[in-house]
Amino acid sequence: MIQVDVRIVSFGGVGCTYIIKKVQDLNIITNHIFDRDIFKHPHYSSNINQGIEAKKTIYVYNDPMKAVLSHYRRKWQIGQHNKITCSDHRMSSDIIRFFNVLQDKTIKMGKDIYGVERHFYSWYEKEKNNKNFIFIDFREQCDDKVSNFINAEIKFKLKQRSPILEILEDDFVAIYYKLDQDIRKHVGGFL
């Protein structure tokens, strides 16, 4: 059993690695910055979660569409999809491998098929009332919220996201815009 002071988790592509680094710089024990302990991105119901004991947990989220695009830009879309989904909801690597195929299938299904939505709600439903768990939207200034939660002063520098290079269909953008609004509504973010 791995014990940490603060576990930092996300669906990836949202600034989780940066936040882990900043928290570790305060000599606070976290899960592994590069996910070598596999506690950074698992779906909540994953058996992986049984191997860690965290005093506190921070769930980091950000624009879900840009997060998915980030995985494609960094060429780890299949690995990340497999991390954030349960095996019974995993898409074929033939669908995930190429962005245009994912985009077409997402539009056809009318919902996120990459796994961001299921990942978020798996954590939200289990932890929404846990006083040792917070959600942070990393697009917003969250220094005070995180500082108060971990009992240590922390300052983040929000950076500009890398440009979107893929050709995005309006229906794809609309699906992820709605998901983003739903997530923000659930965690009390402003719309």
N, C-alpha and C. Protein backbone atom coordinates (compact mmCIF):
# COMPACT_ATOMS: atom_id res chain seq x y z
N MET A 1 0.85 -1.19 0.00
CA MET A 1 0.00 0.00 0.00
C MET A 1 0.89 1.24 0.00
N ILE A 2 0.68 2.11 -0.97
CA ILE A 2 1.41 3.37 -1.04
C ILE A 2 0.64 4.42 -0.25
N GLN A 3 1.33 5.16 0.59
CA GLN A 3 0.70 6.22 1.37
C GLN A 3 1.25 7.56 0.90
N VAL A 4 0.32 8.50 0.66
CA VAL A 4 0.70 9.84 0.23
C VAL A 4 -0.08 10.86 1.03
N ASP A 5 0.46 12.06 1.11
CA ASP A 5 -0.26 13.15 1.76
C ASP A 5 -1.38 13.65 0.85
N VAL A 6 -1.02 13.85 -0.42
CA VAL A 6 -1.98 14.38 -1.39
C VAL A 6 -1.86 13.59 -2.68
N ARG A 7 -2.98 13.05 -3.10
CA ARG A 7 -3.04 12.39 -4.41
C ARG A 7 -3.63 13.39 -5.39
N ILE A 8 -3.03 13.48 -6.56
CA ILE A 8 -3.51 14.40 -7.58
C ILE A 8 -3.87 13.56 -8.80
N VAL A 9 -5.11 13.66 -9.23
CA VAL A 9 -5.65 12.78 -10.25
C VAL A 9 -6.39 13.58 -11.30
N SER A 10 -6.45 13.05 -12.51
CA SER A 10 -7.18 13.72 -13.58
C SER A 10 -7.39 12.75 -14.74
N PHE A 11 -8.10 13.22 -15.76
CA PHE A 11 -8.21 12.43 -16.98
C PHE A 11 -7.06 12.74 -17.94
N GLY A 12 -6.15 13.57 -17.51
CA GLY A 12 -4.95 13.86 -18.29
C GLY A 12 -5.12 15.03 -19.24
N GLY A 13 -4.01 15.64 -19.59
CA GLY A 13 -4.02 16.76 -20.52
C GLY A 13 -4.56 18.05 -19.92
N VAL A 14 -4.51 18.16 -18.58
CA VAL A 14 -5.14 19.30 -17.91
C VAL A 14 -4.22 20.06 -16.96
N GLY A 15 -2.96 19.67 -16.86
CA GLY A 15 -2.03 20.34 -15.96
C GLY A 15 -1.73 19.56 -14.70
N CYS A 16 -2.12 18.31 -14.64
CA CYS A 16 -1.93 17.48 -13.45
C CYS A 16 -0.45 17.32 -13.10
N THR A 17 0.39 17.08 -14.09
CA THR A 17 1.83 16.90 -13.85
C THR A 17 2.43 18.16 -13.24
N TYR A 18 2.05 19.30 -13.77
CA TYR A 18 2.54 20.58 -13.25
C TYR A 18 2.12 20.76 -11.79
N ILE A 19 0.89 20.45 -11.47
CA ILE A 19 0.41 20.61 -10.10
C ILE A 19 1.14 19.66 -9.16
N ILE A 20 1.35 18.41 -9.59
CA ILE A 20 2.10 17.47 -8.75
C ILE A 20 3.49 18.02 -8.46
N LYS A 21 4.15 18.54 -9.48
CA LYS A 21 5.50 19.10 -9.29
C LYS A 21 5.49 20.25 -8.28
N LYS A 22 4.52 21.14 -8.42
CA LYS A 22 4.44 22.28 -7.50
C LYS A 22 4.18 21.82 -6.06
N VAL A 23 3.33 20.83 -5.89
CA VAL A 23 3.03 20.32 -4.54
C VAL A 23 4.26 19.59 -3.99
N GLN A 24 4.93 18.80 -4.81
CA GLN A 24 6.15 18.12 -4.36
C GLN A 24 7.25 19.12 -3.97
N ASP A 25 7.29 20.25 -4.65
CA ASP A 25 8.28 21.29 -4.31
C ASP A 25 8.09 21.80 -2.88
N LEU A 26 6.91 21.57 -2.30
CA LEU A 26 6.62 21.97 -0.92
C LEU A 26 6.92 20.83 0.07
N ASN A 27 7.62 19.80 -0.41
CA ASN A 27 7.95 18.62 0.40
C ASN A 27 6.72 17.87 0.90
N ILE A 28 5.69 17.87 0.08
CA ILE A 28 4.48 17.12 0.36
C ILE A 28 4.52 15.86 -0.50
N ILE A 29 4.26 14.73 0.10
CA ILE A 29 4.33 13.46 -0.61
C ILE A 29 3.07 13.29 -1.46
N THR A 30 3.28 13.03 -2.76
CA THR A 30 2.17 12.84 -3.70
C THR A 30 2.37 11.51 -4.45
N ASN A 31 1.40 11.20 -5.27
CA ASN A 31 1.58 10.10 -6.20
C ASN A 31 2.67 10.49 -7.20
N HIS A 32 3.15 9.50 -7.96
CA HIS A 32 4.30 9.73 -8.84
C HIS A 32 3.96 10.72 -9.96
N ILE A 33 4.87 11.66 -10.17
CA ILE A 33 4.64 12.73 -11.14
C ILE A 33 4.46 12.21 -12.57
N PHE A 34 5.14 11.10 -12.91
CA PHE A 34 5.03 10.56 -14.27
C PHE A 34 4.17 9.29 -14.30
N ASP A 35 3.39 9.09 -13.27
CA ASP A 35 2.40 8.02 -13.20
C ASP A 35 3.02 6.63 -13.15
N ARG A 36 4.25 6.52 -12.68
CA ARG A 36 4.88 5.20 -12.58
C ARG A 36 4.18 4.32 -11.56
N ASP A 37 3.46 4.93 -10.62
CA ASP A 37 2.69 4.15 -9.64
C ASP A 37 1.26 3.89 -10.12
N ILE A 38 0.92 4.39 -11.28
CA ILE A 38 -0.38 4.27 -11.97
C ILE A 38 -1.57 4.78 -11.15
N PHE A 39 -1.33 5.76 -10.28
CA PHE A 39 -2.40 6.33 -9.46
C PHE A 39 -2.85 7.71 -9.94
N LYS A 40 -2.33 8.17 -11.04
CA LYS A 40 -2.60 9.52 -11.52
C LYS A 40 -3.86 9.61 -12.39
N HIS A 41 -4.18 8.59 -13.15
CA HIS A 41 -5.28 8.69 -14.11
C HIS A 41 -6.31 7.57 -14.09
N PRO A 42 -6.35 6.67 -13.12
CA PRO A 42 -7.29 5.56 -13.26
C PRO A 42 -8.75 5.98 -13.06
N HIS A 43 -9.62 5.25 -13.71
CA HIS A 43 -11.06 5.36 -13.48
C HIS A 43 -11.28 5.03 -12.00
N TYR A 44 -12.25 5.65 -11.36
CA TYR A 44 -12.45 5.46 -9.93
C TYR A 44 -12.66 4.01 -9.55
N SER A 45 -13.41 3.27 -10.35
CA SER A 45 -13.75 1.90 -9.98
C SER A 45 -12.61 0.92 -10.23
N SER A 46 -11.52 1.39 -10.76
CA SER A 46 -10.37 0.53 -11.05
C SER A 46 -9.81 -0.08 -9.76
N ASN A 47 -9.38 -1.32 -9.83
CA ASN A 47 -8.74 -1.98 -8.69
C ASN A 47 -7.45 -1.28 -8.28
N ILE A 48 -6.89 -0.51 -9.19
CA ILE A 48 -5.65 0.23 -8.91
C ILE A 48 -5.83 1.12 -7.69
N ASN A 49 -7.01 1.67 -7.51
CA ASN A 49 -7.26 2.59 -6.40
C ASN A 49 -7.16 1.92 -5.03
N GLN A 50 -7.17 0.61 -4.99
CA GLN A 50 -7.04 -0.09 -3.71
C GLN A 50 -5.61 -0.11 -3.20
N GLY A 51 -4.65 0.29 -4.02
CA GLY A 51 -3.25 0.23 -3.64
C GLY A 51 -2.68 1.54 -3.11
N ILE A 52 -3.53 2.53 -2.91
CA ILE A 52 -3.04 3.83 -2.43
C ILE A 52 -3.92 4.33 -1.29
N GLU A 53 -3.26 4.93 -0.32
CA GLU A 53 -3.96 5.57 0.78
C GLU A 53 -3.53 7.03 0.78
N ALA A 54 -4.48 7.91 0.51
CA ALA A 54 -4.19 9.34 0.43
C ALA A 54 -4.96 10.08 1.52
N LYS A 55 -4.27 10.96 2.21
CA LYS A 55 -4.96 11.78 3.22
C LYS A 55 -5.92 12.75 2.54
N LYS A 56 -5.51 13.25 1.38
CA LYS A 56 -6.32 14.20 0.61
C LYS A 56 -6.15 13.91 -0.87
N THR A 57 -7.17 14.28 -1.64
CA THR A 57 -7.11 14.08 -3.08
C THR A 57 -7.58 15.34 -3.80
N ILE A 58 -6.85 15.71 -4.84
CA ILE A 58 -7.22 16.82 -5.72
C ILE A 58 -7.51 16.24 -7.09
N TYR A 59 -8.70 16.50 -7.60
CA TYR A 59 -9.06 16.10 -8.96
C TYR A 59 -8.94 17.34 -9.83
N VAL A 60 -8.06 17.29 -10.81
CA VAL A 60 -7.81 18.42 -11.69
C VAL A 60 -8.58 18.22 -12.99
N TYR A 61 -9.29 19.25 -13.41
CA TYR A 61 -9.95 19.18 -14.70
C TYR A 61 -9.71 20.48 -15.45
N ASN A 62 -10.07 20.47 -16.70
CA ASN A 62 -9.84 21.59 -17.59
C ASN A 62 -10.73 21.32 -18.79
N ASP A 63 -10.60 22.08 -19.82
CA ASP A 63 -11.41 21.89 -21.02
C ASP A 63 -11.24 20.46 -21.54
N PRO A 64 -12.31 19.64 -21.51
CA PRO A 64 -12.16 18.23 -21.89
C PRO A 64 -11.77 18.03 -23.36
N MET A 65 -12.23 18.87 -24.25
CA MET A 65 -11.86 18.73 -25.66
C MET A 65 -10.36 18.99 -25.84
N LYS A 66 -9.87 20.03 -25.22
CA LYS A 66 -8.44 20.34 -25.33
C LYS A 66 -7.60 19.26 -24.66
N ALA A 67 -8.14 18.62 -23.62
CA ALA A 67 -7.43 17.52 -22.98
C ALA A 67 -7.28 16.35 -23.95
N VAL A 68 -8.37 15.99 -24.61
CA VAL A 68 -8.31 14.90 -25.59
C VAL A 68 -7.33 15.26 -26.70
N LEU A 69 -7.42 16.46 -27.21
CA LEU A 69 -6.51 16.89 -28.27
C LEU A 69 -5.05 16.87 -27.81
N SER A 70 -4.83 17.18 -26.55
CA SER A 70 -3.49 17.15 -25.98
C SER A 70 -2.89 15.74 -26.06
N HIS A 71 -3.71 14.73 -25.81
CA HIS A 71 -3.22 13.35 -25.88
C HIS A 71 -2.81 13.00 -27.31
N TYR A 72 -3.56 13.48 -28.28
CA TYR A 72 -3.20 13.24 -29.68
C TYR A 72 -1.94 14.01 -30.07
N ARG A 73 -1.83 15.24 -29.61
CA ARG A 73 -0.65 16.05 -29.93
C ARG A 73 0.62 15.39 -29.39
N ARG A 74 0.51 14.78 -28.21
CA ARG A 74 1.69 14.15 -27.59
C ARG A 74 1.86 12.68 -28.00
N LYS A 75 0.94 12.19 -28.85
CA LYS A 75 1.03 10.83 -29.41
C LYS A 75 0.85 9.73 -28.35
N TRP A 76 0.05 10.01 -27.31
CA TRP A 76 -0.21 8.94 -26.35
C TRP A 76 -1.70 8.74 -26.13
N GLN A 77 -2.47 8.95 -27.20
CA GLN A 77 -3.92 8.85 -27.12
C GLN A 77 -4.41 7.45 -26.73
N ILE A 78 -3.78 6.41 -27.23
CA ILE A 78 -4.23 5.04 -26.91
C ILE A 78 -3.92 4.71 -25.45
N GLY A 79 -2.69 4.96 -25.03
CA GLY A 79 -2.31 4.67 -23.64
C GLY A 79 -3.15 5.44 -22.63
N GLN A 80 -3.40 6.71 -22.91
CA GLN A 80 -4.19 7.52 -21.98
C GLN A 80 -5.65 7.05 -21.95
N HIS A 81 -6.18 6.74 -23.11
CA HIS A 81 -7.55 6.21 -23.16
C HIS A 81 -7.65 4.94 -22.32
N ASN A 82 -6.67 4.07 -22.43
CA ASN A 82 -6.69 2.83 -21.65
C ASN A 82 -6.56 3.07 -20.16
N LYS A 83 -5.83 4.12 -19.77
CA LYS A 83 -5.68 4.44 -18.35
C LYS A 83 -7.00 4.95 -17.74
N ILE A 84 -7.72 5.80 -18.47
CA ILE A 84 -8.87 6.48 -17.87
C ILE A 84 -10.18 5.72 -18.00
N THR A 85 -10.18 4.62 -18.73
CA THR A 85 -11.42 3.88 -18.93
C THR A 85 -11.36 2.52 -18.26
N CYS A 86 -12.53 2.00 -17.93
CA CYS A 86 -12.64 0.61 -17.47
C CYS A 86 -12.62 -0.27 -18.71
N SER A 87 -12.17 -1.49 -18.55
CA SER A 87 -12.04 -2.37 -19.71
C SER A 87 -13.35 -2.56 -20.46
N ASP A 88 -14.48 -2.53 -19.76
CA ASP A 88 -15.77 -2.75 -20.44
C ASP A 88 -16.25 -1.53 -21.22
N HIS A 89 -15.55 -0.39 -21.12
CA HIS A 89 -15.91 0.81 -21.89
C HIS A 89 -14.80 1.25 -22.84
N ARG A 90 -13.76 0.46 -22.95
CA ARG A 90 -12.64 0.80 -23.81
C ARG A 90 -13.02 0.68 -25.28
N MET A 91 -12.61 1.65 -26.04
CA MET A 91 -12.80 1.61 -27.49
C MET A 91 -11.65 0.85 -28.13
N SER A 92 -11.88 0.32 -29.28
CA SER A 92 -10.84 -0.35 -30.05
C SER A 92 -9.74 0.66 -30.37
N SER A 93 -8.49 0.18 -30.34
CA SER A 93 -7.39 1.09 -30.68
C SER A 93 -7.52 1.59 -32.11
N ASP A 94 -8.25 0.87 -32.98
CA ASP A 94 -8.48 1.35 -34.35
C ASP A 94 -9.31 2.63 -34.35
N ILE A 95 -10.16 2.81 -33.36
CA ILE A 95 -10.97 4.03 -33.25
C ILE A 95 -10.15 5.15 -32.62
N ILE A 96 -9.36 4.82 -31.62
CA ILE A 96 -8.61 5.82 -30.86
C ILE A 96 -7.35 6.27 -31.58
N ARG A 97 -6.75 5.41 -32.38
CA ARG A 97 -5.44 5.69 -33.00
C ARG A 97 -5.41 6.99 -33.80
N PHE A 98 -6.44 7.24 -34.61
CA PHE A 98 -6.44 8.41 -35.46
C PHE A 98 -7.54 9.37 -35.05
N PHE A 99 -7.16 10.64 -34.92
CA PHE A 99 -8.12 11.62 -34.43
C PHE A 99 -9.36 11.71 -35.31
N ASN A 100 -9.20 11.69 -36.63
CA ASN A 100 -10.36 11.84 -37.51
C ASN A 100 -11.36 10.69 -37.31
N VAL A 101 -10.87 9.49 -37.00
CA VAL A 101 -11.77 8.36 -36.73
C VAL A 101 -12.50 8.58 -35.41
N LEU A 102 -11.76 9.00 -34.38
CA LEU A 102 -12.40 9.31 -33.09
C LEU A 102 -13.44 10.39 -33.26
N GLN A 103 -13.09 11.46 -33.96
CA GLN A 103 -14.02 12.57 -34.15
C GLN A 103 -15.30 12.10 -34.85
N ASP A 104 -15.16 11.33 -35.93
CA ASP A 104 -16.33 10.83 -36.66
C ASP A 104 -17.21 9.96 -35.78
N LYS A 105 -16.59 9.06 -35.02
CA LYS A 105 -17.35 8.14 -34.14
C LYS A 105 -18.02 8.92 -33.01
N THR A 106 -17.33 9.93 -32.47
CA THR A 106 -17.90 10.77 -31.41
C THR A 106 -19.15 11.47 -31.93
N ILE A 107 -19.06 12.04 -33.11
CA ILE A 107 -20.20 12.74 -33.70
C ILE A 107 -21.34 11.75 -33.96
N LYS A 108 -21.02 10.60 -34.49
CA LYS A 108 -22.04 9.58 -34.77
C LYS A 108 -22.75 9.14 -33.48
N MET A 109 -21.99 8.96 -32.40
CA MET A 109 -22.56 8.54 -31.12
C MET A 109 -23.21 9.70 -30.36
N GLY A 110 -22.81 10.93 -30.68
CA GLY A 110 -23.37 12.10 -30.03
C GLY A 110 -22.89 12.32 -28.60
N LYS A 111 -21.72 11.75 -28.28
CA LYS A 111 -21.18 11.89 -26.92
C LYS A 111 -19.69 11.60 -26.92
N ASP A 112 -19.05 11.94 -25.81
CA ASP A 112 -17.64 11.64 -25.61
C ASP A 112 -17.45 10.13 -25.57
N ILE A 113 -16.66 9.60 -26.48
CA ILE A 113 -16.36 8.18 -26.44
C ILE A 113 -14.92 7.93 -26.00
N TYR A 114 -14.14 8.99 -25.84
CA TYR A 114 -12.75 8.83 -25.42
C TYR A 114 -12.65 8.35 -23.97
N GLY A 115 -13.60 8.79 -23.13
CA GLY A 115 -13.63 8.34 -21.74
C GLY A 115 -13.53 9.43 -20.70
N VAL A 116 -13.40 10.67 -21.14
CA VAL A 116 -13.27 11.80 -20.21
C VAL A 116 -14.51 11.90 -19.31
N GLU A 117 -15.68 11.84 -19.90
CA GLU A 117 -16.92 11.99 -19.13
C GLU A 117 -17.07 10.88 -18.09
N ARG A 118 -16.89 9.66 -18.49
CA ARG A 118 -17.01 8.53 -17.54
C ARG A 118 -15.97 8.66 -16.42
N HIS A 119 -14.75 9.06 -16.78
CA HIS A 119 -13.70 9.22 -15.77
C HIS A 119 -14.11 10.27 -14.75
N PHE A 120 -14.50 11.45 -15.23
CA PHE A 120 -14.88 12.51 -14.31
C PHE A 120 -16.02 12.07 -13.39
N TYR A 121 -17.10 11.55 -13.97
CA TYR A 121 -18.26 11.19 -13.15
C TYR A 121 -18.00 10.00 -12.24
N SER A 122 -17.06 9.12 -12.60
CA SER A 122 -16.73 8.02 -11.69
C SER A 122 -16.15 8.58 -10.39
N TRP A 123 -15.34 9.62 -10.50
CA TRP A 123 -14.77 10.26 -9.31
C TRP A 123 -15.80 11.16 -8.63
N TYR A 124 -16.52 11.93 -9.40
CA TYR A 124 -17.50 12.86 -8.85
C TYR A 124 -18.54 12.13 -7.99
N GLU A 125 -19.11 11.07 -8.52
CA GLU A 125 -20.17 10.35 -7.80
C GLU A 125 -19.68 9.76 -6.49
N LYS A 126 -18.45 9.33 -6.44
CA LYS A 126 -17.91 8.69 -5.22
C LYS A 126 -17.36 9.70 -4.22
N GLU A 127 -16.90 10.85 -4.67
CA GLU A 127 -16.17 11.75 -3.79
C GLU A 127 -16.80 13.12 -3.57
N LYS A 128 -17.92 13.40 -4.19
CA LYS A 128 -18.46 14.76 -4.14
C LYS A 128 -18.75 15.27 -2.73
N ASN A 129 -18.95 14.39 -1.77
CA ASN A 129 -19.23 14.82 -0.40
C ASN A 129 -18.07 14.57 0.56
N ASN A 130 -16.93 14.21 0.04
CA ASN A 130 -15.75 13.90 0.86
C ASN A 130 -15.02 15.21 1.17
N LYS A 131 -14.87 15.55 2.44
CA LYS A 131 -14.22 16.81 2.82
C LYS A 131 -12.71 16.78 2.55
N ASN A 132 -12.15 15.61 2.28
CA ASN A 132 -10.73 15.49 1.97
C ASN A 132 -10.49 15.33 0.48
N PHE A 133 -11.41 15.85 -0.31
CA PHE A 133 -11.35 15.75 -1.76
C PHE A 133 -11.84 17.05 -2.36
N ILE A 134 -11.09 17.60 -3.32
CA ILE A 134 -11.55 18.80 -4.02
C ILE A 134 -11.38 18.63 -5.52
N PHE A 135 -12.21 19.35 -6.25
CA PHE A 135 -12.10 19.47 -7.70
C PHE A 135 -11.55 20.85 -7.98
N ILE A 136 -10.58 20.94 -8.88
CA ILE A 136 -10.11 22.26 -9.30
C ILE A 136 -10.12 22.34 -10.82
N ASP A 137 -10.61 23.46 -11.30
CA ASP A 137 -10.61 23.77 -12.73
C ASP A 137 -9.33 24.55 -12.97
N PHE A 138 -8.39 23.96 -13.68
CA PHE A 138 -7.08 24.58 -13.83
C PHE A 138 -7.06 25.72 -14.83
N ARG A 139 -8.21 26.09 -15.37
CA ARG A 139 -8.29 27.30 -16.20
C ARG A 139 -8.46 28.52 -15.32
N GLU A 140 -8.87 28.30 -14.10
CA GLU A 140 -9.15 29.38 -13.17
C GLU A 140 -8.02 29.50 -12.17
N GLN A 141 -7.88 30.66 -11.58
CA GLN A 141 -6.87 30.85 -10.55
C GLN A 141 -7.30 30.06 -9.32
N CYS A 142 -6.52 29.06 -8.96
CA CYS A 142 -6.93 28.17 -7.87
C CYS A 142 -5.90 28.13 -6.75
N ASP A 143 -4.99 29.09 -6.71
CA ASP A 143 -3.95 29.10 -5.68
C ASP A 143 -4.53 29.03 -4.27
N ASP A 144 -5.49 29.88 -3.97
CA ASP A 144 -6.05 29.93 -2.61
C ASP A 144 -6.77 28.63 -2.26
N LYS A 145 -7.54 28.11 -3.20
CA LYS A 145 -8.29 26.88 -2.94
C LYS A 145 -7.34 25.72 -2.62
N VAL A 146 -6.30 25.57 -3.44
CA VAL A 146 -5.34 24.48 -3.21
C VAL A 146 -4.52 24.76 -1.95
N SER A 147 -4.08 26.00 -1.74
CA SER A 147 -3.30 26.35 -0.55
C SER A 147 -4.07 26.01 0.72
N ASN A 148 -5.32 26.39 0.77
CA ASN A 148 -6.16 26.09 1.94
C ASN A 148 -6.34 24.59 2.13
N PHE A 149 -6.47 23.88 1.04
CA PHE A 149 -6.72 22.44 1.10
C PHE A 149 -5.49 21.67 1.60
N ILE A 150 -4.30 22.05 1.12
CA ILE A 150 -3.08 21.32 1.51
C ILE A 150 -2.36 21.97 2.69
N ASN A 151 -2.89 23.07 3.20
CA ASN A 151 -2.30 23.79 4.33
C ASN A 151 -0.87 24.24 4.05
N ALA A 152 -0.65 24.75 2.85
CA ALA A 152 0.66 25.28 2.47
C ALA A 152 0.43 26.25 1.31
N GLU A 153 1.18 27.33 1.31
CA GLU A 153 1.00 28.32 0.25
C GLU A 153 1.60 27.82 -1.05
N ILE A 154 0.81 27.94 -2.10
CA ILE A 154 1.24 27.50 -3.42
C ILE A 154 0.81 28.54 -4.44
N LYS A 155 1.64 28.75 -5.43
CA LYS A 155 1.33 29.69 -6.51
C LYS A 155 1.52 28.98 -7.85
N PHE A 156 0.50 29.08 -8.67
CA PHE A 156 0.56 28.48 -10.00
C PHE A 156 0.67 29.57 -11.05
N LYS A 157 1.36 29.26 -12.11
CA LYS A 157 1.40 30.15 -13.27
C LYS A 157 0.60 29.47 -14.37
N LEU A 158 -0.52 30.06 -14.72
CA LEU A 158 -1.34 29.50 -15.78
C LEU A 158 -0.67 29.83 -17.10
N LYS A 159 -0.54 28.83 -17.96
CA LYS A 159 0.11 29.07 -19.24
C LYS A 159 -0.89 28.88 -20.37
N GLN A 160 -0.54 29.47 -21.48
CA GLN A 160 -1.36 29.35 -22.68
C GLN A 160 -1.28 27.92 -23.19
N ARG A 161 -2.41 27.34 -23.55
CA ARG A 161 -2.43 26.00 -24.11
C ARG A 161 -1.82 26.01 -25.51
N SER A 162 -1.27 24.89 -25.90
CA SER A 162 -0.74 24.75 -27.26
C SER A 162 -1.88 24.90 -28.25
N PRO A 163 -1.58 25.42 -29.42
CA PRO A 163 -2.65 25.62 -30.40
C PRO A 163 -3.24 24.29 -30.88
N ILE A 164 -4.50 24.36 -31.26
CA ILE A 164 -5.19 23.20 -31.79
C ILE A 164 -4.87 23.11 -33.28
N LEU A 165 -4.28 21.99 -33.67
CA LEU A 165 -3.86 21.84 -35.06
C LEU A 165 -4.83 20.98 -35.87
N GLU A 166 -5.66 20.21 -35.19
CA GLU A 166 -6.61 19.35 -35.89
C GLU A 166 -7.75 20.18 -36.48
N ILE A 167 -8.34 19.66 -37.53
CA ILE A 167 -9.52 20.28 -38.11
C ILE A 167 -10.72 19.73 -37.35
N LEU A 168 -11.39 20.61 -36.64
CA LEU A 168 -12.47 20.18 -35.76
C LEU A 168 -13.83 20.43 -36.41
N GLU A 169 -14.67 19.42 -36.34
CA GLU A 169 -16.05 19.55 -36.82
C GLU A 169 -16.86 20.27 -35.75
N ASP A 170 -17.80 21.11 -36.19
CA ASP A 170 -18.63 21.86 -35.25
C ASP A 170 -19.38 20.95 -34.28
N ASP A 171 -19.87 19.80 -34.76
CA ASP A 171 -20.60 18.89 -33.88
C ASP A 171 -19.70 18.30 -32.81
N PHE A 172 -18.44 18.03 -33.15
CA PHE A 172 -17.47 17.53 -32.17
C PHE A 172 -17.24 18.58 -31.09
N VAL A 173 -17.01 19.81 -31.52
CA VAL A 173 -16.79 20.92 -30.58
C VAL A 173 -18.01 21.08 -29.67
N ALA A 174 -19.20 20.99 -30.23
CA ALA A 174 -20.44 21.16 -29.45
C ALA A 174 -20.59 20.07 -28.39
N ILE A 175 -20.23 18.84 -28.73
CA ILE A 175 -20.32 17.73 -27.76
C ILE A 175 -19.42 18.00 -26.57
N TYR A 176 -18.20 18.43 -26.84
CA TYR A 176 -17.26 18.67 -25.75
C TYR A 176 -17.55 19.98 -25.02
N TYR A 177 -18.11 20.96 -25.70
CA TYR A 177 -18.52 22.20 -25.02
C TYR A 177 -19.60 21.88 -23.99
N LYS A 178 -20.59 21.07 -24.39
CA LYS A 178 -21.66 20.68 -23.47
C LYS A 178 -21.09 19.90 -22.29
N LEU A 179 -20.18 18.96 -22.56
CA LEU A 179 -19.57 18.20 -21.48
C LEU A 179 -18.82 19.12 -20.52
N ASP A 180 -18.08 20.07 -21.05
CA ASP A 180 -17.35 21.02 -20.22
C ASP A 180 -18.32 21.80 -19.33
N GLN A 181 -19.41 22.27 -19.90
CA GLN A 181 -20.39 23.03 -19.11
C GLN A 181 -21.03 22.15 -18.03
N ASP A 182 -21.31 20.89 -18.36
CA ASP A 182 -21.89 19.96 -17.38
C ASP A 182 -20.92 19.71 -16.22
N ILE A 183 -19.65 19.49 -16.52
CA ILE A 183 -18.66 19.27 -15.49
C ILE A 183 -18.57 20.50 -14.59
N ARG A 184 -18.45 21.66 -15.17
CA ARG A 184 -18.31 22.89 -14.39
C ARG A 184 -19.54 23.14 -13.52
N LYS A 185 -20.70 22.81 -14.06
CA LYS A 185 -21.94 22.96 -13.28
C LYS A 185 -21.93 22.03 -12.07
N HIS A 186 -21.48 20.81 -12.26
CA HIS A 186 -21.48 19.85 -11.16
C HIS A 186 -20.52 20.23 -10.05
N VAL A 187 -19.39 20.82 -10.38
CA VAL A 187 -18.43 21.17 -9.33
C VAL A 187 -18.55 22.62 -8.90
N GLY A 188 -19.56 23.30 -9.36
CA GLY A 188 -19.80 24.66 -8.90
C GLY A 188 -19.00 25.72 -9.60
N GLY A 189 -18.37 25.37 -10.72
CA GLY A 189 -17.62 26.39 -11.47
C GLY A 189 -18.56 27.37 -12.13
N PHE A 190 -18.09 28.55 -12.40
CA PHE A 190 -18.95 29.53 -13.06
C PHE A 190 -19.03 29.19 -14.53
N LEU A 191 -20.19 29.47 -15.12
CA LEU A 191 -20.41 29.17 -16.55
C LEU A 191 -20.20 30.41 -17.39
